[in-house]
Amino acid sequence: MATARGAVALDNLAPIALLLTQWRHSAEVHADPALLALITREPDGDLGPAAMPEAAERAASPSPAPIARVRRPRPSARRRGA
């Protein structure tokens, strides 16, 4: 219900469509015993080294661009005196 309320509040029904698609896929997996066994089994062997979380985050996201400073022109001497 929270997804539906949030989607309606934002006037965007895409989250509801995504939720229904996920539910459908879950039902398909649970309805097929062979697929359920394949999805829920333990992996065979070692999956290899895992990257440290901080290193993975830095590698995945580019560094942000520097923020440009905008300099405002100083008011002219005539405007100050007026």
N, C-alpha and C. Protein backbone atom coordinates (compact mmCIF):
# COMPACT_ATOMS: atom_id res chain seq x y z
N MET A 1 0.81 -1.20 0.00
CA MET A 1 0.00 0.00 0.00
C MET A 1 0.85 1.26 0.00
N ALA A 2 2.02 1.20 0.67
CA ALA A 2 2.86 2.38 0.75
C ALA A 2 3.35 2.79 -0.64
N THR A 3 3.66 1.79 -1.48
CA THR A 3 4.11 2.10 -2.84
C THR A 3 2.98 2.76 -3.62
N ALA A 4 1.78 2.25 -3.49
CA ALA A 4 0.63 2.82 -4.21
C ALA A 4 0.34 4.25 -3.75
N ARG A 5 0.37 4.47 -2.45
CA ARG A 5 0.12 5.83 -1.95
C ARG A 5 1.19 6.81 -2.42
N GLY A 6 2.45 6.37 -2.36
CA GLY A 6 3.54 7.24 -2.80
C GLY A 6 3.45 7.54 -4.28
N ALA A 7 3.11 6.53 -5.08
CA ALA A 7 3.00 6.73 -6.52
C ALA A 7 1.88 7.70 -6.85
N VAL A 8 0.74 7.56 -6.19
CA VAL A 8 -0.38 8.46 -6.43
C VAL A 8 -0.03 9.88 -5.98
N ALA A 9 0.65 10.00 -4.85
CA ALA A 9 1.02 11.33 -4.36
C ALA A 9 1.96 12.04 -5.33
N LEU A 10 2.82 11.27 -6.00
CA LEU A 10 3.75 11.87 -6.95
C LEU A 10 3.19 11.93 -8.37
N ASP A 11 1.97 11.41 -8.55
CA ASP A 11 1.34 11.35 -9.86
C ASP A 11 2.23 10.60 -10.84
N ASN A 12 2.82 9.46 -10.37
CA ASN A 12 3.71 8.64 -11.18
C ASN A 12 3.40 7.19 -10.85
N LEU A 13 2.78 6.48 -11.77
CA LEU A 13 2.38 5.10 -11.53
C LEU A 13 3.44 4.07 -11.89
N ALA A 14 4.61 4.50 -12.33
CA ALA A 14 5.68 3.58 -12.70
C ALA A 14 6.10 2.67 -11.54
N PRO A 15 6.19 3.16 -10.29
CA PRO A 15 6.56 2.25 -9.20
C PRO A 15 5.56 1.10 -9.01
N ILE A 16 4.29 1.35 -9.27
CA ILE A 16 3.29 0.29 -9.14
C ILE A 16 3.50 -0.76 -10.23
N ALA A 17 3.78 -0.33 -11.43
CA ALA A 17 4.04 -1.26 -12.52
C ALA A 17 5.26 -2.12 -12.21
N LEU A 18 6.30 -1.52 -11.67
CA LEU A 18 7.51 -2.25 -11.31
C LEU A 18 7.20 -3.27 -10.22
N LEU A 19 6.45 -2.87 -9.21
CA LEU A 19 6.09 -3.77 -8.11
C LEU A 19 5.29 -4.96 -8.63
N LEU A 20 4.33 -4.73 -9.51
CA LEU A 20 3.53 -5.83 -10.06
C LEU A 20 4.38 -6.78 -10.89
N THR A 21 5.33 -6.24 -11.64
CA THR A 21 6.24 -7.08 -12.42
C THR A 21 7.10 -7.94 -11.50
N GLN A 22 7.60 -7.37 -10.41
CA GLN A 22 8.40 -8.14 -9.46
C GLN A 22 7.57 -9.24 -8.81
N TRP A 23 6.34 -8.94 -8.45
CA TRP A 23 5.47 -9.95 -7.86
C TRP A 23 5.23 -11.10 -8.86
N ARG A 24 5.02 -10.75 -10.12
CA ARG A 24 4.77 -11.77 -11.14
C ARG A 24 5.98 -12.69 -11.28
N HIS A 25 7.18 -12.10 -11.31
CA HIS A 25 8.40 -12.90 -11.44
C HIS A 25 8.59 -13.80 -10.22
N SER A 26 8.29 -13.28 -9.03
CA SER A 26 8.40 -14.10 -7.82
C SER A 26 7.43 -15.28 -7.88
N ALA A 27 6.22 -15.04 -8.35
CA ALA A 27 5.23 -16.12 -8.46
C ALA A 27 5.68 -17.16 -9.47
N GLU A 28 6.28 -16.74 -10.57
CA GLU A 28 6.78 -17.67 -11.58
C GLU A 28 7.86 -18.58 -10.99
N VAL A 29 8.77 -18.01 -10.20
CA VAL A 29 9.84 -18.80 -9.60
C VAL A 29 9.26 -19.81 -8.61
N HIS A 30 8.34 -19.37 -7.75
CA HIS A 30 7.77 -20.28 -6.75
C HIS A 30 6.85 -21.33 -7.36
N ALA A 31 6.31 -21.09 -8.54
CA ALA A 31 5.43 -22.06 -9.20
C ALA A 31 6.21 -23.16 -9.90
N ASP A 32 7.48 -22.96 -10.20
CA ASP A 32 8.30 -23.94 -10.91
C ASP A 32 9.34 -24.51 -9.95
N PRO A 33 9.16 -25.77 -9.48
CA PRO A 33 10.09 -26.35 -8.50
C PRO A 33 11.55 -26.39 -8.99
N ALA A 34 11.77 -26.67 -10.26
CA ALA A 34 13.14 -26.72 -10.78
C ALA A 34 13.78 -25.33 -10.75
N LEU A 35 13.05 -24.32 -11.12
CA LEU A 35 13.58 -22.95 -11.10
C LEU A 35 13.81 -22.48 -9.67
N LEU A 36 12.90 -22.82 -8.76
CA LEU A 36 13.07 -22.44 -7.36
C LEU A 36 14.33 -23.09 -6.78
N ALA A 37 14.56 -24.36 -7.10
CA ALA A 37 15.76 -25.04 -6.61
C ALA A 37 17.02 -24.40 -7.18
N LEU A 38 17.00 -24.00 -8.42
CA LEU A 38 18.15 -23.37 -9.05
C LEU A 38 18.46 -22.01 -8.43
N ILE A 39 17.43 -21.24 -8.15
CA ILE A 39 17.61 -19.89 -7.61
C ILE A 39 18.04 -19.92 -6.14
N THR A 40 17.55 -20.88 -5.37
CA THR A 40 17.80 -20.89 -3.93
C THR A 40 18.98 -21.76 -3.50
N ARG A 41 19.63 -22.45 -4.41
CA ARG A 41 20.76 -23.32 -4.01
C ARG A 41 21.99 -22.49 -3.70
N GLU A 42 22.88 -23.11 -2.94
CA GLU A 42 24.16 -22.47 -2.60
C GLU A 42 25.05 -22.48 -3.84
N PRO A 43 25.88 -21.47 -4.03
CA PRO A 43 26.77 -21.44 -5.19
C PRO A 43 27.85 -22.52 -5.08
N ASP A 44 28.33 -22.99 -6.23
CA ASP A 44 29.39 -23.99 -6.26
C ASP A 44 30.74 -23.30 -6.17
N GLY A 45 31.53 -23.67 -5.18
CA GLY A 45 32.89 -23.19 -5.08
C GLY A 45 32.99 -21.74 -4.61
N ASP A 46 34.19 -21.21 -4.79
CA ASP A 46 34.51 -19.85 -4.37
C ASP A 46 34.11 -18.87 -5.47
N LEU A 47 33.51 -17.78 -5.09
CA LEU A 47 33.10 -16.78 -6.07
C LEU A 47 34.19 -15.76 -6.34
N GLY A 48 35.36 -15.93 -5.72
CA GLY A 48 36.48 -15.02 -5.98
C GLY A 48 36.54 -13.92 -4.95
N PRO A 49 37.60 -13.10 -5.07
CA PRO A 49 37.77 -12.03 -4.08
C PRO A 49 36.71 -10.94 -4.24
N ALA A 50 36.36 -10.37 -3.12
CA ALA A 50 35.39 -9.27 -3.11
C ALA A 50 36.12 -7.97 -2.86
N ALA A 51 35.74 -6.93 -3.57
CA ALA A 51 36.35 -5.62 -3.39
C ALA A 51 35.86 -5.01 -2.10
N MET A 52 36.69 -4.18 -1.50
CA MET A 52 36.29 -3.46 -0.30
C MET A 52 35.16 -2.50 -0.69
N PRO A 53 34.16 -2.32 0.15
CA PRO A 53 33.03 -1.46 -0.21
C PRO A 53 33.43 -0.05 -0.60
N GLU A 54 34.36 0.57 0.12
CA GLU A 54 34.76 1.94 -0.22
C GLU A 54 35.40 2.00 -1.59
N ALA A 55 36.26 1.04 -1.91
CA ALA A 55 36.92 1.02 -3.20
C ALA A 55 35.91 0.80 -4.33
N ALA A 56 34.94 -0.04 -4.07
CA ALA A 56 33.93 -0.31 -5.10
C ALA A 56 33.09 0.92 -5.36
N GLU A 57 32.75 1.67 -4.32
CA GLU A 57 31.95 2.88 -4.50
C GLU A 57 32.72 3.93 -5.29
N ARG A 58 34.01 4.09 -4.95
CA ARG A 58 34.81 5.10 -5.66
C ARG A 58 34.98 4.72 -7.13
N ALA A 59 35.15 3.43 -7.41
CA ALA A 59 35.34 2.99 -8.78
C ALA A 59 34.06 3.13 -9.59
N ALA A 60 32.91 2.96 -8.94
CA ALA A 60 31.63 3.00 -9.65
C ALA A 60 31.15 4.40 -9.93
N SER A 61 31.50 5.35 -9.08
CA SER A 61 30.99 6.71 -9.27
C SER A 61 32.13 7.66 -9.61
N PRO A 62 31.98 8.41 -10.69
CA PRO A 62 33.02 9.38 -11.04
C PRO A 62 33.07 10.50 -10.02
N SER A 63 34.23 11.12 -9.93
CA SER A 63 34.36 12.22 -8.99
C SER A 63 33.51 13.40 -9.47
N PRO A 64 32.90 14.11 -8.55
CA PRO A 64 32.03 15.21 -8.97
C PRO A 64 32.83 16.35 -9.60
N ALA A 65 32.19 17.02 -10.51
CA ALA A 65 32.84 18.15 -11.18
C ALA A 65 32.95 19.30 -10.19
N PRO A 66 34.02 20.07 -10.29
CA PRO A 66 34.15 21.20 -9.37
C PRO A 66 33.06 22.23 -9.63
N ILE A 67 32.66 22.88 -8.58
CA ILE A 67 31.61 23.90 -8.69
C ILE A 67 32.27 25.22 -9.09
N ALA A 68 31.76 25.80 -10.14
CA ALA A 68 32.32 27.07 -10.62
C ALA A 68 31.79 28.21 -9.75
N ARG A 69 32.66 29.10 -9.41
CA ARG A 69 32.24 30.26 -8.64
C ARG A 69 31.87 31.38 -9.59
N VAL A 70 30.77 32.00 -9.30
CA VAL A 70 30.31 33.11 -10.12
C VAL A 70 30.59 34.39 -9.35
N ARG A 71 31.30 35.28 -9.97
CA ARG A 71 31.60 36.56 -9.32
C ARG A 71 30.64 37.60 -9.85
N ARG A 72 30.03 38.28 -8.94
CA ARG A 72 29.11 39.35 -9.32
C ARG A 72 29.92 40.63 -9.50
N PRO A 73 29.55 41.41 -10.49
CA PRO A 73 30.26 42.69 -10.65
C PRO A 73 29.95 43.61 -9.47
N ARG A 74 30.92 44.36 -9.08
CA ARG A 74 30.71 45.30 -7.99
C ARG A 74 29.86 46.47 -8.47
N PRO A 75 29.03 47.00 -7.59
CA PRO A 75 28.21 48.14 -7.99
C PRO A 75 29.13 49.34 -8.29
N SER A 76 28.73 50.10 -9.25
CA SER A 76 29.54 51.26 -9.64
C SER A 76 29.46 52.33 -8.55
N ALA A 77 30.42 53.23 -8.57
CA ALA A 77 30.49 54.30 -7.57
C ALA A 77 29.29 55.23 -7.69
N ARG A 78 28.79 55.41 -8.90
CA ARG A 78 27.63 56.28 -9.10
C ARG A 78 26.39 55.72 -8.43
N ARG A 79 26.21 54.42 -8.45
CA ARG A 79 25.02 53.83 -7.88
C ARG A 79 25.06 53.91 -6.35
N ARG A 80 26.24 53.77 -5.77
CA ARG A 80 26.34 53.82 -4.32
C ARG A 80 25.96 55.18 -3.77
N GLY A 81 26.36 56.22 -4.46
CA GLY A 81 26.11 57.57 -3.97
C GLY A 81 24.69 58.05 -4.22
N ALA A 82 23.98 57.40 -5.08
CA ALA A 82 22.65 57.90 -5.45
C ALA A 82 21.59 57.54 -4.48
